[in-house]
């Protein structure tokens, strides 16, 4: 459970990181930063900021290749993979004007199946 001391430590760490980035003239894309509360939501409102911008608390955070929810369930990520798979499979059926199953299966293996590895 996050308490005020943990939040202060976290804020101090973020301040150190932002000072280091400014010292080395590295920009921080604050609009791509957000806070994800894992577990139960508490009534204590803790505001986390980077530089002078307050970070928004979101129920789902999209990492590089994975959508992470606050309860750590994979439903959003799996839904995105299924949606992209359906889009690609429908595009294959629309674009290929062949009745040869081997060609369609090869196209499916090439374009749709790699989505599950992401």
Protein backbone atom coordinates (compact mmCIF):
# COMPACT_ATOMS: atom_id res chain seq x y z
CA UNK A 1 0.00 0.00 0.00
CA UNK A 2 1.36 3.38 -1.01
CA UNK A 3 1.64 5.83 1.85
CA UNK A 4 2.80 9.44 1.99
CA UNK A 5 6.43 8.47 2.66
CA UNK A 6 6.54 6.20 -0.40
CA UNK A 7 4.98 8.92 -2.54
CA UNK A 8 7.54 11.45 -1.30
CA UNK A 9 10.39 9.05 -2.06
CA UNK A 10 8.98 8.41 -5.52
CA UNK A 11 8.59 12.15 -6.17
CA UNK A 12 12.19 12.77 -5.00
CA UNK A 13 13.42 10.09 -7.40
CA UNK A 14 11.48 11.67 -10.28
CA UNK A 15 12.96 15.06 -9.39
CA UNK A 16 16.48 13.61 -9.49
CA UNK A 17 15.79 12.01 -12.88
CA UNK A 18 14.35 15.22 -14.34
CA UNK A 19 17.31 17.27 -12.99
CA UNK A 20 19.72 14.77 -14.56
CA UNK A 21 17.86 14.95 -17.88
CA UNK A 22 17.92 18.76 -17.86
CA UNK A 23 21.63 18.77 -16.98
CA UNK A 24 22.40 16.55 -19.99
CA UNK A 25 19.93 18.49 -22.19
CA UNK A 26 17.62 15.52 -22.65
CA UNK A 27 13.94 16.17 -23.01
CA UNK A 28 11.28 14.24 -21.14
CA UNK A 29 8.03 13.74 -23.06
CA UNK A 30 5.72 14.42 -20.15
CA UNK A 31 2.62 13.97 -22.33
CA UNK A 32 3.62 10.30 -22.74
CA UNK A 33 4.10 9.79 -19.01
CA UNK A 34 1.35 8.63 -16.69
CA UNK A 35 0.77 6.96 -13.35
CA UNK A 36 -0.70 3.46 -13.07
CA UNK A 37 -2.09 2.43 -9.68
CA UNK A 38 -1.71 -1.32 -9.36
CA UNK A 39 -4.18 -2.90 -6.98
CA UNK A 40 -6.95 -1.25 -5.06
CA UNK A 41 -7.65 2.43 -5.47
CA UNK A 42 -7.24 4.36 -2.25
CA UNK A 43 -9.03 7.46 -1.19
CA UNK A 44 -5.73 9.25 -0.61
CA UNK A 45 -5.03 11.58 -3.53
CA UNK A 46 -1.31 11.65 -4.29
CA UNK A 47 -0.12 14.00 -7.03
CA UNK A 48 3.03 12.97 -8.89
CA UNK A 49 4.76 15.49 -11.15
CA UNK A 50 7.70 15.58 -13.52
CA UNK A 51 9.39 18.96 -13.94
CA UNK A 52 6.30 21.18 -13.46
CA UNK A 53 3.68 18.92 -15.08
CA UNK A 54 1.33 16.77 -13.00
CA UNK A 55 1.07 13.20 -14.28
CA UNK A 56 -2.36 11.79 -14.99
CA UNK A 57 -3.49 8.58 -13.34
CA UNK A 58 -4.82 6.16 -15.94
CA UNK A 59 -6.58 2.79 -15.68
CA UNK A 60 -4.63 1.38 -18.67
CA UNK A 61 -1.05 2.20 -19.65
CA UNK A 62 0.33 1.21 -23.04
CA UNK A 63 3.92 0.11 -22.84
CA UNK A 64 6.09 -0.56 -25.89
CA UNK A 65 4.21 -3.70 -27.00
CA UNK A 66 1.82 -4.34 -24.14
CA UNK A 67 -1.26 -2.68 -22.68
CA UNK A 68 -1.11 -2.92 -18.90
CA UNK A 69 -4.21 -2.51 -16.73
CA UNK A 70 -4.27 -1.57 -13.08
CA UNK A 71 -5.41 -5.07 -12.07
CA UNK A 72 -2.64 -6.60 -14.28
CA UNK A 73 -5.18 -8.49 -16.40
CA UNK A 74 -4.25 -9.10 -20.05
CA UNK A 75 -7.72 -8.43 -21.51
CA UNK A 76 -6.93 -5.12 -23.21
CA UNK A 77 -3.72 -6.49 -24.72
CA UNK A 78 -5.41 -9.66 -25.99
CA UNK A 79 -8.30 -7.63 -27.40
CA UNK A 80 -5.87 -5.45 -29.36
CA UNK A 81 -4.10 -8.51 -30.81
CA UNK A 82 -7.43 -10.10 -31.80
CA UNK A 83 -8.63 -6.85 -33.39
CA UNK A 84 -5.44 -6.49 -35.45
CA UNK A 85 -5.58 -10.16 -36.43
CA UNK A 86 -9.16 -9.82 -37.69
CA UNK A 87 -8.22 -6.71 -39.66
CA UNK A 88 -5.30 -8.43 -41.34
CA UNK A 89 -7.23 -11.65 -42.04
CA UNK A 90 -10.07 -9.65 -43.62
CA UNK A 91 -7.56 -7.69 -45.71
CA UNK A 92 -6.07 -10.98 -46.94
CA UNK A 93 -9.50 -12.28 -47.93
CA UNK A 94 -10.31 -9.03 -49.75
CA UNK A 95 -6.95 -8.62 -51.51
CA UNK A 96 -6.16 -12.17 -52.60
CA UNK A 97 -8.40 -13.30 -55.46
CA UNK A 98 -7.32 -16.92 -55.36
CA UNK A 99 -9.18 -20.00 -54.26
CA UNK A 100 -5.97 -21.88 -53.50
CA UNK A 101 -6.02 -22.66 -49.79
CA UNK A 102 -2.23 -23.03 -49.67
CA UNK A 103 -1.75 -19.40 -50.76
CA UNK A 104 -4.28 -18.11 -48.22
CA UNK A 105 -2.76 -20.18 -45.42
CA UNK A 106 0.74 -18.92 -46.33
CA UNK A 107 -0.50 -15.31 -46.30
CA UNK A 108 -2.18 -15.90 -42.92
CA UNK A 109 1.00 -17.43 -41.47
CA UNK A 110 3.09 -14.57 -42.86
CA UNK A 111 0.89 -11.59 -41.91
CA UNK A 112 -1.44 -12.60 -39.08
CA UNK A 113 0.34 -15.18 -36.95
CA UNK A 114 3.31 -12.89 -36.03
CA UNK A 115 0.87 -10.68 -34.09
CA UNK A 116 0.63 -13.23 -31.30
CA UNK A 117 4.37 -12.91 -30.62
CA UNK A 118 4.07 -9.19 -29.91
